Amino acid sequence: MTIHILADSACDLPLSYFKENGATFIPLELNLEGKEYADGVDIQGTTVYQAMRNGAAPKTSQVSPERFQKIFTELAQKKQSAVYVAFSSNLSGTYQTACMIREQVLEEYPDLDLDIIDSKCASLGYGLVVKRAVELANAGASKNDIIDGVTFHCQHMEHLFTVEKLEYLARGGRISKTSAVVGNLLNIRPLLDVEDGKLIPLEKLRGKKKLFKRTLELMRERGVDLDKQTIGISHGDDIASANEWKEAIAEEFGTTSFEIEMVGAVIGAHSGPGTIAIFFLNKLPN
């Protein structure tokens, strides 16, 4: 890999993927019951989901400046050209911190060759962008070509997701506690989106059958050549539902390529167990 790729744990790709592809995994932080953990390194989503089912309320934080300082300094010392694809700046301060530390490292190492891209994506939507960056880098693409390819995927990645219990969104201030209580009583499942890196509520649907139908309708409206692309499905410790969605999408659109991953500890701390998210492109590269 001529150009080194970096990404943070909000992409919800496993650490093993980064090791296998020679890329750098940068964990966000999570505090669970008074203990600090590095997301995807010393804590996994399953642990967080079980704790949440038992009433725990984990807290999350961005990548520490000290971790960025160490990683960026090592890149500079090795004279390694690199691209860091970052978690959406509208959902975390990680991107802003990375840019700040990059400027600090440049003061000591003016030859640091590091570009930082705000993906405006989250979870496996972000993960699919990272995978594209790694594919291009492993194929020997130039830095400009990698940046162009990543930017295209960032701009055209669709996110559609729902949560099992509204109370988890209420804890994070996404909806009111009253709305969460009423919604749970009425079996309401919210359908949400990410637009320009921000979490946007789309619709409130009652029952799983209506949720399935409407999600597939939106995929048909927004997606292009869904049978020719890899569709991402991430889940909050609910592989059975993820497979159910996979079968429905395959039957509806003829899709054969899927990427299925568990929502990681940090994002899962906000969305909760039972979350299901679907990711696809609304335009394919030439």
C-alpha atoms as a PDB file:
ATOM      1  CA  MET A   1       0.000   0.000   0.000  1.00  0.00           C
ATOM      2  CA  THR A   2       1.758   3.156  -1.233  1.00  0.00           C
ATOM      3  CA  ILE A   3      -0.782   5.491   0.370  1.00  0.00           C
ATOM      4  CA  HIS A   4      -1.596   4.555   3.949  1.00  0.00           C
ATOM      5  CA  ILE A   5      -5.297   4.590   4.954  1.00  0.00           C
ATOM      6  CA  LEU A   6      -6.537   5.494   8.421  1.00  0.00           C
ATOM      7  CA  ALA A   7     -10.077   5.350   9.800  1.00  0.00           C
ATOM      8  CA  ASP A   8     -11.716   5.416  13.207  1.00  0.00           C
ATOM      9  CA  SER A   9     -13.863   2.839  14.928  1.00  0.00           C
ATOM     10  CA  ALA A  10     -17.145   4.565  14.023  1.00  0.00           C
ATOM     11  CA  CYS A  11     -16.852   2.830  10.630  1.00  0.00           C
ATOM     12  CA  ASP A  12     -17.926  -0.404  12.374  1.00  0.00           C
ATOM     13  CA  LEU A  13     -15.420  -2.529  10.464  1.00  0.00           C
ATOM     14  CA  PRO A  14     -13.599  -5.019  12.718  1.00  0.00           C
ATOM     15  CA  LEU A  15     -10.025  -4.473  13.818  1.00  0.00           C
ATOM     16  CA  SER A  16      -9.101  -7.655  11.934  1.00  0.00           C
ATOM     17  CA  TYR A  17      -9.999  -5.977   8.625  1.00  0.00           C
ATOM     18  CA  PHE A  18      -7.463  -3.225   9.259  1.00  0.00           C
ATOM     19  CA  LYS A  19      -4.754  -5.686  10.236  1.00  0.00           C
ATOM     20  CA  GLU A  20      -5.366  -7.794   7.143  1.00  0.00           C
ATOM     21  CA  ASN A  21      -5.149  -4.751   4.878  1.00  0.00           C
ATOM     22  CA  GLY A  22      -2.320  -2.841   6.522  1.00  0.00           C
ATOM     23  CA  ALA A  23      -4.531   0.114   7.456  1.00  0.00           C
ATOM     24  CA  THR A  24      -4.660   2.011  10.767  1.00  0.00           C
ATOM     25  CA  PHE A  25      -7.615   1.625  13.132  1.00  0.00           C
ATOM     26  CA  ILE A  26      -8.175   4.573  15.496  1.00  0.00           C
ATOM     27  CA  PRO A  27     -10.577   3.812  18.363  1.00  0.00           C
ATOM     28  CA  LEU A  28     -13.055   6.237  19.846  1.00  0.00           C
ATOM     29  CA  GLU A  29     -13.510   6.010  23.613  1.00  0.00           C
ATOM     30  CA  LEU A  30     -16.324   4.640  25.763  1.00  0.00           C
ATOM     31  CA  ASN A  31     -17.009   4.795  29.482  1.00  0.00           C
ATOM     32  CA  LEU A  32     -19.071   1.917  30.823  1.00  0.00           C
ATOM     33  CA  GLU A  33     -19.865   1.743  34.523  1.00  0.00           C
ATOM     34  CA  GLY A  34     -16.879   3.895  35.425  1.00  0.00           C
ATOM     35  CA  LYS A  35     -14.285   2.152  33.258  1.00  0.00           C
ATOM     36  CA  GLU A  36     -12.694   3.569  30.093  1.00  0.00           C
ATOM     37  CA  TYR A  37     -12.453   1.428  26.963  1.00  0.00           C
ATOM     38  CA  ALA A  38     -11.091   1.775  23.436  1.00  0.00           C
ATOM     39  CA  ASP A  39     -13.915   0.965  21.007  1.00  0.00           C
ATOM     40  CA  GLY A  40     -13.287  -2.188  19.005  1.00  0.00           C
ATOM     41  CA  VAL A  41      -9.998  -2.882  20.792  1.00  0.00           C
ATOM     42  CA  ASP A  42     -10.796  -3.774  24.403  1.00  0.00           C
ATOM     43  CA  ILE A  43     -14.580  -3.653  24.248  1.00  0.00           C
ATOM     44  CA  GLN A  44     -17.030  -4.929  21.642  1.00  0.00           C
ATOM     45  CA  GLY A  45     -20.636  -4.094  20.880  1.00  0.00           C
ATOM     46  CA  THR A  46     -22.042  -7.251  22.466  1.00  0.00           C
ATOM     47  CA  THR A  47     -20.751  -6.200  25.896  1.00  0.00           C
ATOM     48  CA  VAL A  48     -22.287  -2.749  25.577  1.00  0.00           C
ATOM     49  CA  TYR A  49     -25.643  -4.052  24.358  1.00  0.00           C
ATOM     50  CA  GLN A  50     -25.948  -6.511  27.212  1.00  0.00           C
ATOM     51  CA  ALA A  51     -25.131  -3.757  29.695  1.00  0.00           C
ATOM     52  CA  MET A  52     -27.740  -1.486  28.116  1.00  0.00           C
ATOM     53  CA  ARG A  53     -30.369  -4.218  28.339  1.00  0.00           C
ATOM     54  CA  ASN A  54     -29.573  -4.322  32.044  1.00  0.00           C
ATOM     55  CA  GLY A  55     -30.059  -0.576  32.405  1.00  0.00           C
ATOM     56  CA  ALA A  56     -26.536   0.788  31.905  1.00  0.00           C
ATOM     57  CA  ALA A  57     -26.067   4.148  30.182  1.00  0.00           C
ATOM     58  CA  PRO A  58     -22.609   4.156  28.571  1.00  0.00           C
ATOM     59  CA  LYS A  59     -20.942   7.460  27.670  1.00  0.00           C
ATOM     60  CA  THR A  60     -18.825   8.016  24.583  1.00  0.00           C
ATOM     61  CA  SER A  61     -16.075  10.413  23.582  1.00  0.00           C
ATOM     62  CA  GLN A  62     -14.061  11.218  20.495  1.00  0.00           C
ATOM     63  CA  VAL A  63     -10.546  10.045  19.717  1.00  0.00           C
ATOM     64  CA  SER A  64      -8.128  11.649  22.163  1.00  0.00           C
ATOM     65  CA  PRO A  65      -5.719  14.356  20.946  1.00  0.00           C
ATOM     66  CA  GLU A  66      -2.844  12.326  22.421  1.00  0.00           C
ATOM     67  CA  ARG A  67      -3.683   9.319  20.265  1.00  0.00           C
ATOM     68  CA  PHE A  68      -3.830  11.463  17.123  1.00  0.00           C
ATOM     69  CA  GLN A  69      -0.542  13.147  18.082  1.00  0.00           C
ATOM     70  CA  LYS A  70       1.218   9.789  18.341  1.00  0.00           C
ATOM     71  CA  ILE A  71      -0.187   8.388  15.094  1.00  0.00           C
ATOM     72  CA  PHE A  72       0.401  11.517  12.999  1.00  0.00           C
ATOM     73  CA  THR A  73       3.930  11.964  14.355  1.00  0.00           C
ATOM     74  CA  GLU A  74       4.790   8.392  13.413  1.00  0.00           C
ATOM     75  CA  LEU A  75       3.494   9.012   9.881  1.00  0.00           C
ATOM     76  CA  ALA A  76       5.679  12.106   9.613  1.00  0.00           C
ATOM     77  CA  GLN A  77       8.760  10.349  10.922  1.00  0.00           C
ATOM     78  CA  LYS A  78       8.270   7.490   8.450  1.00  0.00           C
ATOM     79  CA  LYS A  79       7.589  10.000   5.628  1.00  0.00           C
ATOM     80  CA  GLN A  80       4.450   8.020   4.879  1.00  0.00           C
ATOM     81  CA  SER A  81       1.803   9.565   2.625  1.00  0.00           C
ATOM     82  CA  ALA A  82      -1.609   8.946   4.153  1.00  0.00           C
ATOM     83  CA  VAL A  83      -5.337   9.622   3.970  1.00  0.00           C
ATOM     84  CA  TYR A  84      -7.484   9.609   7.098  1.00  0.00           C
ATOM     85  CA  VAL A  85     -11.183   9.078   6.374  1.00  0.00           C
ATOM     86  CA  ALA A  86     -12.974  10.387   9.469  1.00  0.00           C
ATOM     87  CA  PHE A  87     -16.348   9.899  11.156  1.00  0.00           C
ATOM     88  CA  SER A  88     -18.909  12.594  10.293  1.00  0.00           C
ATOM     89  CA  SER A  89     -18.021  15.978  11.793  1.00  0.00           C
ATOM     90  CA  ASN A  90     -21.717  16.551  12.530  1.00  0.00           C
ATOM     91  CA  LEU A  91     -21.879  13.510  14.801  1.00  0.00           C
ATOM     92  CA  SER A  92     -18.532  13.733  16.582  1.00  0.00           C
ATOM     93  CA  GLY A  93     -15.705  16.166  17.259  1.00  0.00           C
ATOM     94  CA  THR A  94     -13.162  13.593  16.063  1.00  0.00           C
ATOM     95  CA  TYR A  95     -12.666  15.171  12.629  1.00  0.00           C
ATOM     96  CA  GLN A  96     -12.085  18.647  14.084  1.00  0.00           C
ATOM     97  CA  THR A  97      -9.613  17.301  16.633  1.00  0.00           C
ATOM     98  CA  ALA A  98      -7.716  15.425  13.925  1.00  0.00           C
ATOM     99  CA  CYS A  99      -7.414  18.596  11.840  1.00  0.00           C
ATOM    100  CA  MET A 100      -6.159  20.539  14.859  1.00  0.00           C
ATOM    101  CA  ILE A 101      -3.521  17.935  15.720  1.00  0.00           C
ATOM    102  CA  ARG A 102      -2.440  17.707  12.098  1.00  0.00           C
ATOM    103  CA  GLU A 103      -1.634  21.429  12.160  1.00  0.00           C
ATOM    104  CA  GLN A 104       0.339  20.992  15.385  1.00  0.00           C
ATOM    105  CA  VAL A 105       2.380  18.109  13.963  1.00  0.00           C
ATOM    106  CA  LEU A 106       3.050  20.125  10.808  1.00  0.00           C
ATOM    107  CA  GLU A 107       4.798  22.744  12.921  1.00  0.00           C
ATOM    108  CA  GLU A 108       7.431  20.202  13.905  1.00  0.00           C
ATOM    109  CA  TYR A 109       7.284  18.104  10.737  1.00  0.00           C
ATOM    110  CA  PRO A 110       6.428  20.408   7.819  1.00  0.00           C
ATOM    111  CA  ASP A 111       6.726  17.505   5.359  1.00  0.00           C
ATOM    112  CA  LEU A 112       3.812  15.588   6.919  1.00  0.00           C
ATOM    113  CA  ASP A 113       1.797  14.294   3.955  1.00  0.00           C
ATOM    114  CA  LEU A 114      -1.635  13.641   5.461  1.00  0.00           C
ATOM    115  CA  ASP A 115      -5.063  14.458   4.043  1.00  0.00           C
ATOM    116  CA  ILE A 116      -8.113  14.260   6.316  1.00  0.00           C
ATOM    117  CA  ILE A 117     -11.555  13.689   4.784  1.00  0.00           C
ATOM    118  CA  ASP A 118     -14.825  14.335   6.603  1.00  0.00           C
ATOM    119  CA  SER A 119     -16.877  11.341   5.467  1.00  0.00           C
ATOM    120  CA  LYS A 120     -20.213  12.818   6.614  1.00  0.00           C
ATOM    121  CA  CYS A 121     -21.091   9.129   7.098  1.00  0.00           C
ATOM    122  CA  ALA A 122     -21.602   6.790  10.047  1.00  0.00           C
ATOM    123  CA  SER A 123     -21.486   3.113  10.945  1.00  0.00           C
ATOM    124  CA  LEU A 124     -21.174   0.745   7.992  1.00  0.00           C
ATOM    125  CA  GLY A 125     -22.018   3.517   5.517  1.00  0.00           C
ATOM    126  CA  TYR A 126     -18.757   5.033   6.660  1.00  0.00           C
ATOM    127  CA  GLY A 127     -17.258   1.533   6.618  1.00  0.00           C
ATOM    128  CA  LEU A 128     -18.092   1.045   2.939  1.00  0.00           C
ATOM    129  CA  VAL A 129     -16.338   4.340   2.194  1.00  0.00           C
ATOM    130  CA  VAL A 130     -13.277   3.147   4.101  1.00  0.00           C
ATOM    131  CA  LYS A 131     -13.286  -0.152   2.209  1.00  0.00           C
ATOM    132  CA  ARG A 132     -13.277   1.766  -1.064  1.00  0.00           C
ATOM    133  CA  ALA A 133     -10.278   3.791   0.112  1.00  0.00           C
ATOM    134  CA  VAL A 134      -8.416   0.614   1.063  1.00  0.00           C
ATOM    135  CA  GLU A 135      -9.261  -1.055  -2.264  1.00  0.00           C
ATOM    136  CA  LEU A 136      -7.904   1.906  -4.192  1.00  0.00           C
ATOM    137  CA  ALA A 137      -4.776   2.123  -2.051  1.00  0.00           C
ATOM    138  CA  ASN A 138      -4.086  -1.606  -2.388  1.00  0.00           C
ATOM    139  CA  ALA A 139      -4.490  -1.276  -6.156  1.00  0.00           C
ATOM    140  CA  GLY A 140      -1.726   1.349  -6.186  1.00  0.00           C
ATOM    141  CA  ALA A 141      -3.932   4.368  -6.868  1.00  0.00           C
ATOM    142  CA  SER A 142      -2.484   7.848  -6.445  1.00  0.00           C
ATOM    143  CA  LYS A 143      -3.485   9.942  -3.470  1.00  0.00           C
ATOM    144  CA  ASN A 144      -5.591  12.223  -5.675  1.00  0.00           C
ATOM    145  CA  ASP A 145      -7.442   9.227  -7.137  1.00  0.00           C
ATOM    146  CA  ILE A 146      -8.068   7.838  -3.649  1.00  0.00           C
ATOM    147  CA  ILE A 147      -9.397  11.196  -2.460  1.00  0.00           C
ATOM    148  CA  ASP A 148     -11.652  11.459  -5.518  1.00  0.00           C
ATOM    149  CA  GLY A 149     -12.977   7.918  -5.043  1.00  0.00           C
ATOM    150  CA  VAL A 150     -13.587   8.424  -1.337  1.00  0.00           C
ATOM    151  CA  THR A 151     -15.268  11.782  -1.899  1.00  0.00           C
ATOM    152  CA  PHE A 152     -17.622  10.242  -4.462  1.00  0.00           C
ATOM    153  CA  HIS A 153     -18.659   7.487  -2.063  1.00  0.00           C
ATOM    154  CA  CYS A 154     -19.113   9.963   0.790  1.00  0.00           C
ATOM    155  CA  GLN A 155     -21.372  12.149  -1.315  1.00  0.00           C
ATOM    156  CA  HIS A 156     -23.524   9.289  -2.601  1.00  0.00           C
ATOM    157  CA  MET A 157     -23.829   6.992   0.430  1.00  0.00           C
ATOM    158  CA  GLU A 158     -27.400   6.547   1.681  1.00  0.00           C
ATOM    159  CA  HIS A 159     -28.206   5.669   5.299  1.00  0.00           C
ATOM    160  CA  LEU A 160     -31.580   4.259   6.386  1.00  0.00           C
ATOM    161  CA  PHE A 161     -31.948   2.926   9.893  1.00  0.00           C
ATOM    162  CA  THR A 162     -34.297   2.181  12.728  1.00  0.00           C
ATOM    163  CA  VAL A 163     -33.987   1.451  16.443  1.00  0.00           C
ATOM    164  CA  GLU A 164     -35.753  -1.173  18.521  1.00  0.00           C
ATOM    165  CA  LYS A 165     -36.489   1.071  21.488  1.00  0.00           C
ATOM    166  CA  LEU A 166     -36.942   4.823  21.351  1.00  0.00           C
ATOM    167  CA  GLU A 167     -35.605   5.205  24.880  1.00  0.00           C
ATOM    168  CA  TYR A 168     -32.037   4.867  23.616  1.00  0.00           C
ATOM    169  CA  LEU A 169     -32.481   7.860  21.301  1.00  0.00           C
ATOM    170  CA  ALA A 170     -34.097   9.751  24.176  1.00  0.00           C
ATOM    171  CA  ARG A 171     -31.033   9.171  26.372  1.00  0.00           C
ATOM    172  CA  GLY A 172     -28.909  10.855  23.728  1.00  0.00           C
ATOM    173  CA  GLY A 173     -31.314  13.771  23.387  1.00  0.00           C
ATOM    174  CA  ARG A 174     -32.434  12.817  19.871  1.00  0.00           C
ATOM    175  CA  ILE A 175     -36.103  12.696  20.922  1.00  0.00           C
ATOM    176  CA  SER A 176     -38.024  13.626  24.080  1.00  0.00           C
ATOM    177  CA  LYS A 177     -38.557  11.075  26.837  1.00  0.00           C
ATOM    178  CA  THR A 178     -42.318  11.507  26.470  1.00  0.00           C
ATOM    179  CA  SER A 179     -42.135  10.674  22.769  1.00  0.00           C
ATOM    180  CA  ALA A 180     -40.084   7.596  23.589  1.00  0.00           C
ATOM    181  CA  VAL A 181     -42.620   6.299  26.135  1.00  0.00           C
ATOM    182  CA  VAL A 182     -45.592   6.894  23.834  1.00  0.00           C
ATOM    183  CA  GLY A 183     -43.761   5.466  20.834  1.00  0.00           C
ATOM    184  CA  ASN A 184     -42.848   2.268  22.638  1.00  0.00           C
ATOM    185  CA  LEU A 185     -46.422   1.802  23.837  1.00  0.00           C
ATOM    186  CA  LEU A 186     -47.754   2.193  20.286  1.00  0.00           C
ATOM    187  CA  ASN A 187     -45.058  -0.043  18.751  1.00  0.00           C
ATOM    188  CA  ILE A 188     -43.765   2.875  16.684  1.00  0.00           C
ATOM    189  CA  ARG A 189     -40.478   2.342  14.874  1.00  0.00           C
ATOM    190  CA  PRO A 190     -38.736   5.492  13.630  1.00  0.00           C
ATOM    191  CA  LEU A 191     -37.089   5.516  10.225  1.00  0.00           C
ATOM    192  CA  LEU A 192     -34.068   7.795  10.228  1.00  0.00           C
ATOM    193  CA  ASP A 193     -31.521   9.065   7.743  1.00  0.00           C
ATOM    194  CA  VAL A 194     -28.162  10.816   7.677  1.00  0.00           C
ATOM    195  CA  GLU A 195     -28.079  13.974   5.570  1.00  0.00           C
ATOM    196  CA  ASP A 196     -24.911  16.052   5.284  1.00  0.00           C
ATOM    197  CA  GLY A 197     -23.568  14.053   8.185  1.00  0.00           C
ATOM    198  CA  LYS A 198     -26.522  14.847  10.470  1.00  0.00           C
ATOM    199  CA  LEU A 199     -29.100  12.512  11.958  1.00  0.00           C
ATOM    200  CA  ILE A 200     -32.508  13.257  10.379  1.00  0.00           C
ATOM    201  CA  PRO A 201     -35.842  11.630  11.374  1.00  0.00           C
ATOM    202  CA  LEU A 202     -37.770  10.628   8.260  1.00  0.00           C
ATOM    203  CA  GLU A 203     -40.963   8.871   9.322  1.00  0.00           C
ATOM    204  CA  LYS A 204     -42.626   7.076  12.224  1.00  0.00           C
ATOM    205  CA  LEU A 205     -44.028   3.696  11.288  1.00  0.00           C
ATOM    206  CA  ARG A 206     -46.178   1.372  13.341  1.00  0.00           C
ATOM    207  CA  GLY A 207     -45.119  -2.245  13.189  1.00  0.00           C
ATOM    208  CA  LYS A 208     -42.338  -4.184  11.505  1.00  0.00           C
ATOM    209  CA  LYS A 209     -44.280  -4.979   8.328  1.00  0.00           C
ATOM    210  CA  LYS A 210     -44.818  -1.304   7.496  1.00  0.00           C
ATOM    211  CA  LEU A 211     -41.172  -0.569   8.307  1.00  0.00           C
ATOM    212  CA  PHE A 212     -39.998  -3.232   5.863  1.00  0.00           C
ATOM    213  CA  LYS A 213     -42.311  -2.023   3.117  1.00  0.00           C
ATOM    214  CA  ARG A 214     -41.386   1.654   3.455  1.00  0.00           C
ATOM    215  CA  THR A 215     -37.652   1.002   3.690  1.00  0.00           C
ATOM    216  CA  LEU A 216     -37.699  -1.043   0.488  1.00  0.00           C
ATOM    217  CA  GLU A 217     -39.722   1.707  -1.206  1.00  0.00           C
ATOM    218  CA  LEU A 218     -37.123   4.307  -0.224  1.00  0.00           C
ATOM    219  CA  MET A 219     -34.307   2.082  -1.424  1.00  0.00           C
ATOM    220  CA  ARG A 220     -36.007   1.802  -4.808  1.00  0.00           C
ATOM    221  CA  GLU A 221     -36.558   5.570  -4.944  1.00  0.00           C
ATOM    222  CA  ARG A 222     -33.026   6.517  -3.918  1.00  0.00           C
ATOM    223  CA  GLY A 223     -30.808   3.660  -5.012  1.00  0.00           C
ATOM    224  CA  VAL A 224     -29.394   2.875  -8.430  1.00  0.00           C
ATOM    225  CA  ASP A 225     -28.469  -0.551  -9.789  1.00  0.00           C
ATOM    226  CA  LEU A 226     -28.997  -2.125  -6.392  1.00  0.00           C
ATOM    227  CA  ASP A 227     -28.287  -5.526  -7.929  1.00  0.00           C
ATOM    228  CA  LYS A 228     -24.794  -4.406  -8.958  1.00  0.00           C
ATOM    229  CA  GLN A 229     -23.479  -2.877  -5.726  1.00  0.00           C
ATOM    230  CA  THR A 230     -22.561  -4.078  -2.262  1.00  0.00           C
ATOM    231  CA  ILE A 231     -25.255  -3.192   0.245  1.00  0.00           C
ATOM    232  CA  GLY A 232     -24.256  -2.755   3.867  1.00  0.00           C
ATOM    233  CA  ILE A 233     -26.358  -3.939   6.781  1.00  0.00           C
ATOM    234  CA  SER A 234     -25.337  -3.198  10.354  1.00  0.00           C
ATOM    235  CA  HIS A 235     -27.168  -4.463  13.407  1.00  0.00           C
ATOM    236  CA  GLY A 236     -27.260  -3.926  17.149  1.00  0.00           C
ATOM    237  CA  ASP A 237     -26.592  -7.495  18.282  1.00  0.00           C
ATOM    238  CA  ASP A 238     -29.412  -8.869  16.132  1.00  0.00           C
ATOM    239  CA  ILE A 239     -27.934 -10.978  13.348  1.00  0.00           C
ATOM    240  CA  ALA A 240     -31.282 -12.732  12.784  1.00  0.00           C
ATOM    241  CA  SER A 241     -32.953  -9.451  11.779  1.00  0.00           C
ATOM    242  CA  ALA A 242     -29.935  -8.481   9.665  1.00  0.00           C
ATOM    243  CA  ASN A 243     -30.271 -11.736   7.724  1.00  0.00           C
ATOM    244  CA  GLU A 244     -34.007 -11.177   7.391  1.00  0.00           C
ATOM    245  CA  TRP A 245     -33.298  -7.782   5.819  1.00  0.00           C
ATOM    246  CA  LYS A 246     -30.659  -9.337   3.572  1.00  0.00           C
ATOM    247  CA  GLU A 247     -33.154 -11.884   2.247  1.00  0.00           C
ATOM    248  CA  ALA A 248     -35.815  -9.220   1.664  1.00  0.00           C
ATOM    249  CA  ILE A 249     -33.400  -6.937  -0.209  1.00  0.00           C
ATOM    250  CA  ALA A 250     -32.029  -9.823  -2.287  1.00  0.00           C
ATOM    251  CA  GLU A 251     -35.559 -10.873  -3.261  1.00  0.00           C
ATOM    252  CA  GLU A 252     -36.676  -7.304  -4.032  1.00  0.00           C
ATOM    253  CA  PHE A 253     -33.664  -6.101  -6.005  1.00  0.00           C
ATOM    254  CA  GLY A 254     -31.636  -9.160  -6.970  1.00  0.00           C
ATOM    255  CA  THR A 255     -28.688  -8.018  -4.830  1.00  0.00           C
ATOM    256  CA  THR A 256     -25.999 -10.667  -4.329  1.00  0.00           C
ATOM    257  CA  SER A 257     -23.247  -8.718  -2.543  1.00  0.00           C
ATOM    258  CA  PHE A 258     -23.718  -7.744   1.101  1.00  0.00           C
ATOM    259  CA  GLU A 259     -21.525  -6.525   3.937  1.00  0.00           C
ATOM    260  CA  ILE A 260     -23.003  -7.336   7.355  1.00  0.00           C
ATOM    261  CA  GLU A 261     -21.397  -6.089  10.568  1.00  0.00           C
ATOM    262  CA  MET A 262     -22.444  -5.420  14.141  1.00  0.00           C
ATOM    263  CA  VAL A 263     -22.828  -1.768  15.117  1.00  0.00           C
ATOM    264  CA  GLY A 264     -19.807  -1.036  17.289  1.00  0.00           C
ATOM    265  CA  ALA A 265     -19.724  -0.066  20.939  1.00  0.00           C
ATOM    266  CA  VAL A 266     -19.587   3.710  20.481  1.00  0.00           C
ATOM    267  CA  ILE A 267     -22.388   4.122  17.952  1.00  0.00           C
ATOM    268  CA  GLY A 268     -24.341   1.324  19.621  1.00  0.00           C
ATOM    269  CA  ALA A 269     -24.216   3.217  22.907  1.00  0.00           C
ATOM    270  CA  HIS A 270     -26.516   5.801  21.266  1.00  0.00           C
ATOM    271  CA  SER A 271     -28.687   3.600  19.044  1.00  0.00           C
ATOM    272  CA  GLY A 272     -29.064   0.616  21.367  1.00  0.00           C
ATOM    273  CA  PRO A 273     -29.602  -3.117  20.850  1.00  0.00           C
ATOM    274  CA  GLY A 274     -31.889  -4.115  18.012  1.00  0.00           C
ATOM    275  CA  THR A 275     -30.802  -1.310  15.696  1.00  0.00           C
ATOM    276  CA  ILE A 276     -30.870  -2.112  11.986  1.00  0.00           C
ATOM    277  CA  ALA A 277     -29.227   0.116   9.366  1.00  0.00           C
ATOM    278  CA  ILE A 278     -29.083  -0.206   5.579  1.00  0.00           C
ATOM    279  CA  PHE A 279     -26.439   1.481   3.417  1.00  0.00           C
ATOM    280  CA  PHE A 280     -26.242   1.821  -0.364  1.00  0.00           C
ATOM    281  CA  LEU A 281     -25.136   4.207  -3.098  1.00  0.00           C
ATOM    282  CA  ASN A 282     -27.543   6.495  -4.938  1.00  0.00           C
ATOM    283  CA  LYS A 283     -25.082   6.764  -7.828  1.00  0.00           C
ATOM    284  CA  LEU A 284     -22.386   4.387  -8.998  1.00  0.00           C
ATOM    285  CA  PRO A 285     -18.895   5.490 -10.062  1.00  0.00           C
ATOM    286  CA  ASN A 286     -18.116   5.357 -13.763  1.00  0.00           C
END
